[in-house]
């Protein structure tokens, strides 16, 4: 019987920044002022199920994804080691492509 061994998660840093609008209080008038702020793109965390989540660096550390992932036997949920057998990012992208493959965009 072949075991289904995968890392609990895999982290990929996103390059660049994005612009977002932030509300700040003007201390002189007490009114709200909107500012565009450049923010680092952060990190994508991929899971064996094919799901993924986008996190800032602060959230990545807070949730513990900044530490190396352990390998887990997906059938028994037992920890089995530290090496990374396959990219969870590629699994997630493959599932997304597969779910979109049934959509006919040409009409």
PDB file of N, CA and C in Angstrom:
ATOM      1  N   UNK A   1       0.845  -1.185   0.000  1.00  0.00           N
ATOM      2  CA  UNK A   1       0.000   0.000   0.000  1.00  0.00           C
ATOM      3  C   UNK A   1       0.892   1.251   0.000  1.00  0.00           C
ATOM      4  N   UNK A   2       0.625   2.168  -0.913  1.00  0.00           N
ATOM      5  CA  UNK A   2       1.407   3.392  -1.017  1.00  0.00           C
ATOM      6  C   UNK A   2       0.821   4.471  -0.110  1.00  0.00           C
ATOM      7  N   UNK A   3       1.700   5.147   0.627  1.00  0.00           N
ATOM      8  CA  UNK A   3       1.243   6.208   1.519  1.00  0.00           C
ATOM      9  C   UNK A   3       1.070   7.509   0.740  1.00  0.00           C
ATOM     10  N   UNK A   4       0.121   8.332   1.179  1.00  0.00           N
ATOM     11  CA  UNK A   4      -0.110   9.652   0.608  1.00  0.00           C
ATOM     12  C   UNK A   4       0.533  10.668   1.551  1.00  0.00           C
ATOM     13  N   UNK A   5       1.802  11.015   1.268  1.00  0.00           N
ATOM     14  CA  UNK A   5       2.584  11.889   2.136  1.00  0.00           C
ATOM     15  C   UNK A   5       2.664  13.275   1.498  1.00  0.00           C
ATOM     16  N   UNK A   6       2.282  14.300   2.255  1.00  0.00           N
ATOM     17  CA  UNK A   6       2.335  15.678   1.769  1.00  0.00           C
ATOM     18  C   UNK A   6       2.721  16.611   2.916  1.00  0.00           C
ATOM     19  N   UNK A   7       3.284  17.776   2.573  1.00  0.00           N
ATOM     20  CA  UNK A   7       3.529  18.764   3.630  1.00  0.00           C
ATOM     21  C   UNK A   7       2.202  19.345   4.095  1.00  0.00           C
ATOM     22  N   UNK A   8       2.123  19.769   5.356  1.00  0.00           N
ATOM     23  CA  UNK A   8       0.893  20.374   5.880  1.00  0.00           C
ATOM     24  C   UNK A   8       0.559  21.660   5.143  1.00  0.00           C
ATOM     25  N   UNK A   9       1.597  22.390   4.692  1.00  0.00           N
ATOM     26  CA  UNK A   9       1.399  23.623   3.943  1.00  0.00           C
ATOM     27  C   UNK A   9       2.679  23.964   3.203  1.00  0.00           C
ATOM     28  N   UNK A  10       2.580  24.897   2.265  1.00  0.00           N
ATOM     29  CA  UNK A  10       3.728  25.384   1.517  1.00  0.00           C
ATOM     30  C   UNK A  10       3.547  26.887   1.328  1.00  0.00           C
ATOM     31  N   UNK A  11       4.618  27.660   1.531  1.00  0.00           N
ATOM     32  CA  UNK A  11       4.540  29.118   1.480  1.00  0.00           C
ATOM     33  C   UNK A  11       5.332  29.655   0.291  1.00  0.00           C
ATOM     34  N   UNK A  12       4.729  30.619  -0.432  1.00  0.00           N
ATOM     35  CA  UNK A  12       5.397  31.295  -1.541  1.00  0.00           C
ATOM     36  C   UNK A  12       5.244  32.798  -1.365  1.00  0.00           C
ATOM     37  N   UNK A  13       6.384  33.526  -1.415  1.00  0.00           N
ATOM     38  CA  UNK A  13       6.363  34.984  -1.295  1.00  0.00           C
ATOM     39  C   UNK A  13       5.924  35.571  -2.634  1.00  0.00           C
ATOM     40  N   UNK A  14       5.000  36.520  -2.574  1.00  0.00           N
ATOM     41  CA  UNK A  14       4.530  37.224  -3.764  1.00  0.00           C
ATOM     42  C   UNK A  14       5.425  38.439  -3.994  1.00  0.00           C
ATOM     43  N   UNK A  15       5.851  38.672  -5.223  1.00  0.00           N
ATOM     44  CA  UNK A  15       6.714  39.805  -5.546  1.00  0.00           C
ATOM     45  C   UNK A  15       5.903  41.080  -5.725  1.00  0.00           C
ATOM     46  N   UNK A  16       6.532  42.211  -5.441  1.00  0.00           N
ATOM     47  CA  UNK A  16       5.942  43.514  -5.712  1.00  0.00           C
ATOM     48  C   UNK A  16       5.036  44.029  -4.609  1.00  0.00           C
ATOM     49  N   UNK A  17       4.272  45.074  -4.970  1.00  0.00           N
ATOM     50  CA  UNK A  17       3.355  45.724  -4.036  1.00  0.00           C
ATOM     51  C   UNK A  17       2.013  45.937  -4.723  1.00  0.00           C
ATOM     52  N   UNK A  18       1.024  46.336  -3.939  1.00  0.00           N
ATOM     53  CA  UNK A  18      -0.258  46.748  -4.500  1.00  0.00           C
ATOM     54  C   UNK A  18      -0.727  47.983  -3.747  1.00  0.00           C
ATOM     55  N   UNK A  19      -1.584  48.739  -4.383  1.00  0.00           N
ATOM     56  CA  UNK A  19      -2.087  49.971  -3.788  1.00  0.00           C
ATOM     57  C   UNK A  19      -3.446  49.696  -3.147  1.00  0.00           C
ATOM     58  N   UNK A  20      -3.641  50.224  -1.931  1.00  0.00           N
ATOM     59  CA  UNK A  20      -4.939  50.083  -1.268  1.00  0.00           C
ATOM     60  C   UNK A  20      -5.292  51.405  -0.603  1.00  0.00           C
ATOM     61  N   UNK A  21      -6.576  51.661  -0.450  1.00  0.00           N
ATOM     62  CA  UNK A  21      -7.048  52.894   0.173  1.00  0.00           C
ATOM     63  C   UNK A  21      -7.221  52.661   1.668  1.00  0.00           C
ATOM     64  N   UNK A  22      -6.684  53.600   2.455  1.00  0.00           N
ATOM     65  CA  UNK A  22      -6.730  53.495   3.904  1.00  0.00           C
ATOM     66  C   UNK A  22      -7.364  54.763   4.460  1.00  0.00           C
ATOM     67  N   UNK A  23      -8.295  54.585   5.392  1.00  0.00           N
ATOM     68  CA  UNK A  23      -8.933  55.733   6.046  1.00  0.00           C
ATOM     69  C   UNK A  23      -8.107  56.143   7.257  1.00  0.00           C
ATOM     70  N   UNK A  24      -7.816  57.440   7.337  1.00  0.00           N
ATOM     71  CA  UNK A  24      -7.087  57.977   8.487  1.00  0.00           C
ATOM     72  C   UNK A  24      -7.853  59.182   9.010  1.00  0.00           C
ATOM     73  N   UNK A  25      -7.736  59.446  10.292  1.00  0.00           N
ATOM     74  CA  UNK A  25      -8.408  60.585  10.909  1.00  0.00           C
ATOM     75  C   UNK A  25      -7.474  61.788  10.890  1.00  0.00           C
ATOM     76  N   UNK A  26      -7.956  62.903  10.330  1.00  0.00           N
ATOM     77  CA  UNK A  26      -7.213  64.166  10.349  1.00  0.00           C
ATOM     78  C   UNK A  26      -7.300  64.724  11.762  1.00  0.00           C
ATOM     79  N   UNK A  27      -6.165  64.833  12.448  1.00  0.00           N
ATOM     80  CA  UNK A  27      -6.158  65.244  13.855  1.00  0.00           C
ATOM     81  C   UNK A  27      -6.629  66.688  14.046  1.00  0.00           C
ATOM     82  N   UNK A  28      -6.432  67.536  13.041  1.00  0.00           N
ATOM     83  CA  UNK A  28      -6.834  68.939  13.172  1.00  0.00           C
ATOM     84  C   UNK A  28      -8.340  69.114  13.068  1.00  0.00           C
ATOM     85  N   UNK A  29      -8.954  68.423  12.089  1.00  0.00           N
ATOM     86  CA  UNK A  29     -10.388  68.616  11.849  1.00  0.00           C
ATOM     87  C   UNK A  29     -11.253  67.484  12.383  1.00  0.00           C
ATOM     88  N   UNK A  30     -10.648  66.332  12.639  1.00  0.00           N
ATOM     89  CA  UNK A  30     -11.414  65.181  13.098  1.00  0.00           C
ATOM     90  C   UNK A  30     -12.121  64.452  11.968  1.00  0.00           C
ATOM     91  N   UNK A  31     -11.911  64.888  10.734  1.00  0.00           N
ATOM     92  CA  UNK A  31     -12.563  64.240   9.597  1.00  0.00           C
ATOM     93  C   UNK A  31     -11.723  63.062   9.100  1.00  0.00           C
ATOM     94  N   UNK A  32     -12.360  62.222   8.311  1.00  0.00           N
ATOM     95  CA  UNK A  32     -11.676  61.053   7.749  1.00  0.00           C
ATOM     96  C   UNK A  32     -11.064  61.446   6.409  1.00  0.00           C
ATOM     97  N   UNK A  33      -9.802  61.074   6.237  1.00  0.00           N
ATOM     98  CA  UNK A  33      -9.078  61.337   5.003  1.00  0.00           C
ATOM     99  C   UNK A  33      -8.654  59.989   4.425  1.00  0.00           C
ATOM    100  N   UNK A  34      -8.904  59.816   3.109  1.00  0.00           N
ATOM    101  CA  UNK A  34      -8.513  58.568   2.450  1.00  0.00           C
ATOM    102  C   UNK A  34      -7.166  58.756   1.784  1.00  0.00           C
ATOM    103  N   UNK A  35      -6.277  57.786   1.972  1.00  0.00           N
ATOM    104  CA  UNK A  35      -4.951  57.815   1.364  1.00  0.00           C
ATOM    105  C   UNK A  35      -4.695  56.501   0.640  1.00  0.00           C
ATOM    106  N   UNK A  36      -3.983  56.594  -0.503  1.00  0.00           N
ATOM    107  CA  UNK A  36      -3.523  55.392  -1.193  1.00  0.00           C
ATOM    108  C   UNK A  36      -2.172  55.003  -0.601  1.00  0.00           C
ATOM    109  N   UNK A  37      -2.051  53.754  -0.185  1.00  0.00           N
ATOM    110  CA  UNK A  37      -0.835  53.261   0.463  1.00  0.00           C
ATOM    111  C   UNK A  37      -0.324  52.051  -0.315  1.00  0.00           C
ATOM    112  N   UNK A  38       0.982  52.034  -0.623  1.00  0.00           N
ATOM    113  CA  UNK A  38       1.599  50.874  -1.262  1.00  0.00           C
ATOM    114  C   UNK A  38       1.893  49.829  -0.190  1.00  0.00           C
ATOM    115  N   UNK A  39       1.437  48.614  -0.426  1.00  0.00           N
ATOM    116  CA  UNK A  39       1.563  47.527   0.542  1.00  0.00           C
ATOM    117  C   UNK A  39       2.262  46.331  -0.119  1.00  0.00           C
ATOM    118  N   UNK A  40       3.190  45.671   0.575  1.00  0.00           N
ATOM    119  CA  UNK A  40       3.806  44.457   0.013  1.00  0.00           C
ATOM    120  C   UNK A  40       2.732  43.412  -0.294  1.00  0.00           C
ATOM    121  N   UNK A  41       2.925  42.667  -1.379  1.00  0.00           N
ATOM    122  CA  UNK A  41       1.936  41.675  -1.802  1.00  0.00           C
ATOM    123  C   UNK A  41       1.756  40.551  -0.786  1.00  0.00           C
ATOM    124  N   UNK A  42       2.766  40.257   0.006  1.00  0.00           N
ATOM    125  CA  UNK A  42       2.609  39.251   1.052  1.00  0.00           C
ATOM    126  C   UNK A  42       2.969  37.847   0.600  1.00  0.00           C
ATOM    127  N   UNK A  43       2.235  36.879   1.104  1.00  0.00           N
ATOM    128  CA  UNK A  43       2.551  35.464   0.895  1.00  0.00           C
ATOM    129  C   UNK A  43       1.293  34.679   0.543  1.00  0.00           C
ATOM    130  N   UNK A  44       1.476  33.639  -0.258  1.00  0.00           N
ATOM    131  CA  UNK A  44       0.420  32.668  -0.516  1.00  0.00           C
ATOM    132  C   UNK A  44       0.790  31.403   0.239  1.00  0.00           C
ATOM    133  N   UNK A  45      -0.184  30.854   0.968  1.00  0.00           N
ATOM    134  CA  UNK A  45       0.015  29.595   1.687  1.00  0.00           C
ATOM    135  C   UNK A  45      -0.892  28.569   1.024  1.00  0.00           C
ATOM    136  N   UNK A  46      -0.306  27.467   0.565  1.00  0.00           N
ATOM    137  CA  UNK A  46      -1.042  26.408  -0.137  1.00  0.00           C
ATOM    138  C   UNK A  46      -1.184  25.193   0.781  1.00  0.00           C
ATOM    139  N   UNK A  47      -2.342  24.532   0.703  1.00  0.00           N
ATOM    140  CA  UNK A  47      -2.648  23.378   1.551  1.00  0.00           C
ATOM    141  C   UNK A  47      -2.866  22.135   0.689  1.00  0.00           C
ATOM    142  N   UNK A  48      -2.684  20.928   1.251  1.00  0.00           N
ATOM    143  CA  UNK A  48      -2.821  19.687   0.483  1.00  0.00           C
ATOM    144  C   UNK A  48      -4.182  19.517  -0.193  1.00  0.00           C
ATOM    145  N   UNK A  49      -5.218  20.114   0.340  1.00  0.00           N
ATOM    146  CA  UNK A  49      -6.555  19.982  -0.238  1.00  0.00           C
ATOM    147  C   UNK A  49      -6.693  20.728  -1.557  1.00  0.00           C
ATOM    148  N   UNK A  50      -5.705  21.600  -1.860  1.00  0.00           N
ATOM    149  CA  UNK A  50      -5.792  22.440  -3.049  1.00  0.00           C
ATOM    150  C   UNK A  50      -6.233  23.856  -2.709  1.00  0.00           C
ATOM    151  N   UNK A  51      -6.593  24.093  -1.460  1.00  0.00           N
ATOM    152  CA  UNK A  51      -6.990  25.432  -1.024  1.00  0.00           C
ATOM    153  C   UNK A  51      -5.740  26.286  -0.829  1.00  0.00           C
ATOM    154  N   UNK A  52      -5.929  27.593  -0.834  1.00  0.00           N
ATOM    155  CA  UNK A  52      -4.823  28.508  -0.581  1.00  0.00           C
ATOM    156  C   UNK A  52      -5.366  29.757   0.103  1.00  0.00           C
ATOM    157  N   UNK A  53      -4.450  30.503   0.771  1.00  0.00           N
ATOM    158  CA  UNK A  53      -4.837  31.725   1.461  1.00  0.00           C
ATOM    159  C   UNK A  53      -3.724  32.745   1.284  1.00  0.00           C
ATOM    160  N   UNK A  54      -4.108  34.013   1.121  1.00  0.00           N
ATOM    161  CA  UNK A  54      -3.149  35.110   0.976  1.00  0.00           C
ATOM    162  C   UNK A  54      -2.982  35.772   2.341  1.00  0.00           C
ATOM    163  N   UNK A  55      -1.724  35.934   2.804  1.00  0.00           N
ATOM    164  CA  UNK A  55      -1.459  36.506   4.121  1.00  0.00           C
ATOM    165  C   UNK A  55      -0.386  37.580   4.042  1.00  0.00           C
ATOM    166  N   UNK A  56      -0.499  38.572   4.926  1.00  0.00           N
ATOM    167  CA  UNK A  56       0.579  39.543   5.099  1.00  0.00           C
ATOM    168  C   UNK A  56       1.694  38.852   5.881  1.00  0.00           C
ATOM    169  N   UNK A  57       2.855  39.491   5.931  1.00  0.00           N
ATOM    170  CA  UNK A  57       3.969  38.895   6.677  1.00  0.00           C
ATOM    171  C   UNK A  57       3.624  38.768   8.164  1.00  0.00           C
ATOM    172  N   UNK A  58       2.925  39.765   8.706  1.00  0.00           N
ATOM    173  CA  UNK A  58       2.545  39.721  10.117  1.00  0.00           C
ATOM    174  C   UNK A  58       1.618  38.535  10.410  1.00  0.00           C
ATOM    175  N   UNK A  59       0.635  38.310   9.536  1.00  0.00           N
ATOM    176  CA  UNK A  59      -0.294  37.187   9.717  1.00  0.00           C
ATOM    177  C   UNK A  59       0.413  35.852   9.512  1.00  0.00           C
ATOM    178  N   UNK A  60       1.337  35.802   8.562  1.00  0.00           N
ATOM    179  CA  UNK A  60       2.098  34.580   8.307  1.00  0.00           C
ATOM    180  C   UNK A  60       2.826  34.148   9.582  1.00  0.00           C
ATOM    181  N   UNK A  61       3.488  35.106  10.235  1.00  0.00           N
ATOM    182  CA  UNK A  61       4.222  34.822  11.477  1.00  0.00           C
ATOM    183  C   UNK A  61       3.251  34.490  12.600  1.00  0.00           C
ATOM    184  N   UNK A  62       2.183  35.281  12.736  1.00  0.00           N
ATOM    185  CA  UNK A  62       1.215  35.073  13.817  1.00  0.00           C
ATOM    186  C   UNK A  62       0.604  33.669  13.762  1.00  0.00           C
ATOM    187  N   UNK A  63       0.327  33.187  12.539  1.00  0.00           N
ATOM    188  CA  UNK A  63      -0.302  31.875  12.397  1.00  0.00           C
ATOM    189  C   UNK A  63       0.704  30.730  12.341  1.00  0.00           C
ATOM    190  N   UNK A  64       2.002  31.041  12.372  1.00  0.00           N
ATOM    191  CA  UNK A  64       3.024  30.003  12.447  1.00  0.00           C
ATOM    192  C   UNK A  64       3.456  29.411  11.120  1.00  0.00           C
ATOM    193  N   UNK A  65       3.065  30.020  10.001  1.00  0.00           N
ATOM    194  CA  UNK A  65       3.452  29.492   8.692  1.00  0.00           C
ATOM    195  C   UNK A  65       4.852  29.912   8.275  1.00  0.00           C
ATOM    196  N   UNK A  66       5.542  30.677   9.109  1.00  0.00           N
ATOM    197  CA  UNK A  66       6.916  31.065   8.828  1.00  0.00           C
ATOM    198  C   UNK A  66       7.896  29.951   9.212  1.00  0.00           C
ATOM    199  N   UNK A  67       7.405  28.914   9.853  1.00  0.00           N
ATOM    200  CA  UNK A  67       8.232  27.776  10.268  1.00  0.00           C
ATOM    201  C   UNK A  67       8.143  26.666   9.209  1.00  0.00           C
ATOM    202  N   UNK A  68       9.184  25.843   9.115  1.00  0.00           N
ATOM    203  CA  UNK A  68       9.139  24.744   8.138  1.00  0.00           C
ATOM    204  C   UNK A  68       7.952  23.805   8.394  1.00  0.00           C
ATOM    205  N   UNK A  69       7.306  23.397   7.314  1.00  0.00           N
ATOM    206  CA  UNK A  69       6.156  22.489   7.425  1.00  0.00           C
ATOM    207  C   UNK A  69       6.627  21.058   7.646  1.00  0.00           C
ATOM    208  N   UNK A  70       5.868  20.324   8.402  1.00  0.00           N
ATOM    209  CA  UNK A  70       6.113  18.894   8.608  1.00  0.00           C
ATOM    210  C   UNK A  70       5.372  18.112   7.529  1.00  0.00           C
ATOM    211  N   UNK A  71       5.909  16.950   7.190  1.00  0.00           N
ATOM    212  CA  UNK A  71       5.210  16.040   6.290  1.00  0.00           C
ATOM    213  C   UNK A  71       4.182  15.254   7.089  1.00  0.00           C
ATOM    214  N   UNK A  72       3.057  15.005   6.476  1.00  0.00           N
ATOM    215  CA  UNK A  72       1.990  14.282   7.157  1.00  0.00           C
ATOM    216  C   UNK A  72       1.445  13.191   6.237  1.00  0.00           C
ATOM    217  N   UNK A  73       1.104  12.047   6.835  1.00  0.00           N
ATOM    218  CA  UNK A  73       0.426  10.977   6.109  1.00  0.00           C
ATOM    219  C   UNK A  73      -1.041  11.393   6.020  1.00  0.00           C
ATOM    220  N   UNK A  74      -1.525  11.649   4.825  1.00  0.00           N
ATOM    221  CA  UNK A  74      -2.875  12.174   4.644  1.00  0.00           C
ATOM    222  C   UNK A  74      -3.958  11.182   5.054  1.00  0.00           C
ATOM    223  N   UNK A  75      -3.639   9.895   5.100  1.00  0.00           N
ATOM    224  CA  UNK A  75      -4.621   8.891   5.498  1.00  0.00           C
ATOM    225  C   UNK A  75      -4.752   8.785   7.020  1.00  0.00           C
ATOM    226  N   UNK A  76      -3.614   8.845   7.727  1.00  0.00           N
ATOM    227  CA  UNK A  76      -3.657   8.654   9.180  1.00  0.00           C
ATOM    228  C   UNK A  76      -3.467   9.953   9.964  1.00  0.00           C
ATOM    229  N   UNK A  77      -3.038  11.022   9.311  1.00  0.00           N
ATOM    230  CA  UNK A  77      -2.732  12.320   9.922  1.00  0.00           C
ATOM    231  C   UNK A  77      -1.513  12.239  10.834  1.00  0.00           C
ATOM    232  N   UNK A  78      -0.661  11.217  10.662  1.00  0.00           N
ATOM    233  CA  UNK A  78       0.569  11.080  11.438  1.00  0.00           C
ATOM    234  C   UNK A  78       1.673  11.917  10.810  1.00  0.00           C
ATOM    235  N   UNK A  79       2.475  12.599  11.641  1.00  0.00           N
ATOM    236  CA  UNK A  79       3.643  13.317  11.142  1.00  0.00           C
ATOM    237  C   UNK A  79       4.707  12.304  10.767  1.00  0.00           C
ATOM    238  N   UNK A  80       5.343  12.489   9.591  1.00  0.00           N
ATOM    239  CA  UNK A  80       6.306  11.492   9.120  1.00  0.00           C
ATOM    240  C   UNK A  80       7.662  12.072   8.733  1.00  0.00           C
ATOM    241  N   UNK A  81       7.865  13.392   8.782  1.00  0.00           N
ATOM    242  CA  UNK A  81       9.175  13.937   8.441  1.00  0.00           C
ATOM    243  C   UNK A  81       9.131  15.417   8.101  1.00  0.00           C
ATOM    244  N   UNK A  82      10.247  15.886   7.463  1.00  0.00           N
ATOM    245  CA  UNK A  82      10.390  17.304   7.166  1.00  0.00           C
ATOM    246  C   UNK A  82      10.554  17.645   5.681  1.00  0.00           C
ATOM    247  N   UNK A  83      10.849  16.704   4.814  1.00  0.00           N
ATOM    248  CA  UNK A  83      11.135  17.001   3.406  1.00  0.00           C
ATOM    249  C   UNK A  83       9.867  17.387   2.641  1.00  0.00           C
ATOM    250  N   UNK A  84      10.047  18.128   1.526  1.00  0.00           N
ATOM    251  CA  UNK A  84       8.912  18.547   0.694  1.00  0.00           C
ATOM    252  C   UNK A  84       8.861  17.692  -0.569  1.00  0.00           C
ATOM    253  N   UNK A  85       7.828  16.842  -0.730  1.00  0.00           N
ATOM    254  CA  UNK A  85       7.777  15.949  -1.874  1.00  0.00           C
ATOM    255  C   UNK A  85       7.268  16.596  -3.161  1.00  0.00           C
ATOM    256  N   UNK A  86       6.324  17.549  -3.094  1.00  0.00           N
ATOM    257  CA  UNK A  86       5.703  18.128  -4.285  1.00  0.00           C
ATOM    258  C   UNK A  86       5.134  19.493  -3.939  1.00  0.00           C
ATOM    259  N   UNK A  87       5.146  20.377  -4.893  1.00  0.00           N
ATOM    260  CA  UNK A  87       4.657  21.730  -4.676  1.00  0.00           C
ATOM    261  C   UNK A  87       3.138  21.760  -4.539  1.00  0.00           C
ATOM    262  N   UNK A  88       2.655  22.265  -3.393  1.00  0.00           N
ATOM    263  CA  UNK A  88       1.211  22.411  -3.200  1.00  0.00           C
ATOM    264  C   UNK A  88       0.661  23.525  -4.084  1.00  0.00           C
ATOM    265  N   UNK A  89       1.518  24.489  -4.449  1.00  0.00           N
ATOM    266  CA  UNK A  89       1.097  25.558  -5.353  1.00  0.00           C
ATOM    267  C   UNK A  89       0.696  24.949  -6.696  1.00  0.00           C
ATOM    268  N   UNK A  90       1.493  24.016  -7.194  1.00  0.00           N
ATOM    269  CA  UNK A  90       1.169  23.394  -8.481  1.00  0.00           C
ATOM    270  C   UNK A  90      -0.112  22.561  -8.378  1.00  0.00           C
ATOM    271  N   UNK A  91      -0.345  21.922  -7.235  1.00  0.00           N
ATOM    272  CA  UNK A  91      -1.586  21.153  -7.030  1.00  0.00           C
ATOM    273  C   UNK A  91      -2.788  22.089  -7.037  1.00  0.00           C
ATOM    274  N   UNK A  92      -2.668  23.230  -6.337  1.00  0.00           N
ATOM    275  CA  UNK A  92      -3.761  24.204  -6.279  1.00  0.00           C
ATOM    276  C   UNK A  92      -4.054  24.760  -7.660  1.00  0.00           C
ATOM    277  N   UNK A  93      -3.008  25.122  -8.411  1.00  0.00           N
ATOM    278  CA  UNK A  93      -3.192  25.658  -9.758  1.00  0.00           C
ATOM    279  C   UNK A  93      -3.789  24.603 -10.679  1.00  0.00           C
ATOM    280  N   UNK A  94      -3.393  23.347 -10.509  1.00  0.00           N
ATOM    281  CA  UNK A  94      -3.930  22.267 -11.323  1.00  0.00           C
ATOM    282  C   UNK A  94      -5.421  22.084 -11.056  1.00  0.00           C
ATOM    283  N   UNK A  95      -5.837  22.144  -9.776  1.00  0.00           N
ATOM    284  CA  UNK A  95      -7.252  22.006  -9.433  1.00  0.00           C
ATOM    285  C   UNK A  95      -8.062  23.161  -9.993  1.00  0.00           C
ATOM    286  N   UNK A  96      -7.511  24.382  -9.933  1.00  0.00           N
ATOM    287  CA  UNK A  96      -8.200  25.548 -10.472  1.00  0.00           C
ATOM    288  C   UNK A  96      -8.365  25.412 -11.975  1.00  0.00           C
ATOM    289  N   UNK A  97      -7.308  24.997 -12.665  1.00  0.00           N
ATOM    290  CA  UNK A  97      -7.373  24.825 -14.113  1.00  0.00           C
ATOM    291  C   UNK A  97      -8.376  23.734 -14.485  1.00  0.00           C
ATOM    292  N   UNK A  98      -8.397  22.656 -13.696  1.00  0.00           N
ATOM    293  CA  UNK A  98      -9.312  21.550 -13.967  1.00  0.00           C
ATOM    294  C   UNK A  98     -10.760  22.002 -13.783  1.00  0.00           C
ATOM    295  N   UNK A  99     -11.037  22.804 -12.746  1.00  0.00           N
ATOM    296  CA  UNK A  99     -12.414  23.246 -12.492  1.00  0.00           C
ATOM    297  C   UNK A  99     -12.873  24.232 -13.548  1.00  0.00           C
ATOM    298  N   UNK A 100     -11.944  24.961 -14.162  1.00  0.00           N
ATOM    299  CA  UNK A 100     -12.303  25.924 -15.214  1.00  0.00           C
ATOM    300  C   UNK A 100     -12.330  25.292 -16.593  1.00  0.00           C
ATOM    301  N   UNK A 101     -11.767  24.094 -16.728  1.00  0.00           N
ATOM    302  CA  UNK A 101     -11.652  23.472 -18.042  1.00  0.00           C
ATOM    303  C   UNK A 101     -12.999  23.116 -18.652  1.00  0.00           C
ATOM    304  N   UNK A 102     -14.031  22.982 -17.840  1.00  0.00           N
ATOM    305  CA  UNK A 102     -15.352  22.652 -18.356  1.00  0.00           C
ATOM    306  C   UNK A 102     -16.132  23.848 -18.857  1.00  0.00           C
ATOM    307  N   UNK A 103     -15.595  25.044 -18.705  1.00  0.00           N
ATOM    308  CA  UNK A 103     -16.284  26.269 -19.123  1.00  0.00           C
ATOM    309  C   UNK A 103     -15.903  26.570 -20.558  1.00  0.00           C
ATOM    310  N   UNK A 104     -16.906  26.715 -21.424  1.00  0.00           N
ATOM    311  CA  UNK A 104     -16.684  27.036 -22.814  1.00  0.00           C
ATOM    312  C   UNK A 104     -16.767  28.545 -22.991  1.00  0.00           C
ATOM    313  N   UNK A 105     -15.626  29.199 -23.186  1.00  0.00           N
ATOM    314  CA  UNK A 105     -15.617  30.660 -23.310  1.00  0.00           C
ATOM    315  C   UNK A 105     -15.766  31.116 -24.745  1.00  0.00           C
ATOM    316  N   UNK A 106     -15.691  30.187 -25.717  1.00  0.00           N
ATOM    317  CA  UNK A 106     -15.816  30.561 -27.113  1.00  0.00           C
ATOM    318  C   UNK A 106     -17.245  30.610 -27.598  1.00  0.00           C
ATOM    319  N   UNK A 107     -18.158  30.222 -26.784  1.00  0.00           N
ATOM    320  CA  UNK A 107     -19.563  30.336 -27.183  1.00  0.00           C
ATOM    321  C   UNK A 107     -20.178  29.020 -27.282  1.00  0.00           C
TER     322      UNK A 107
END
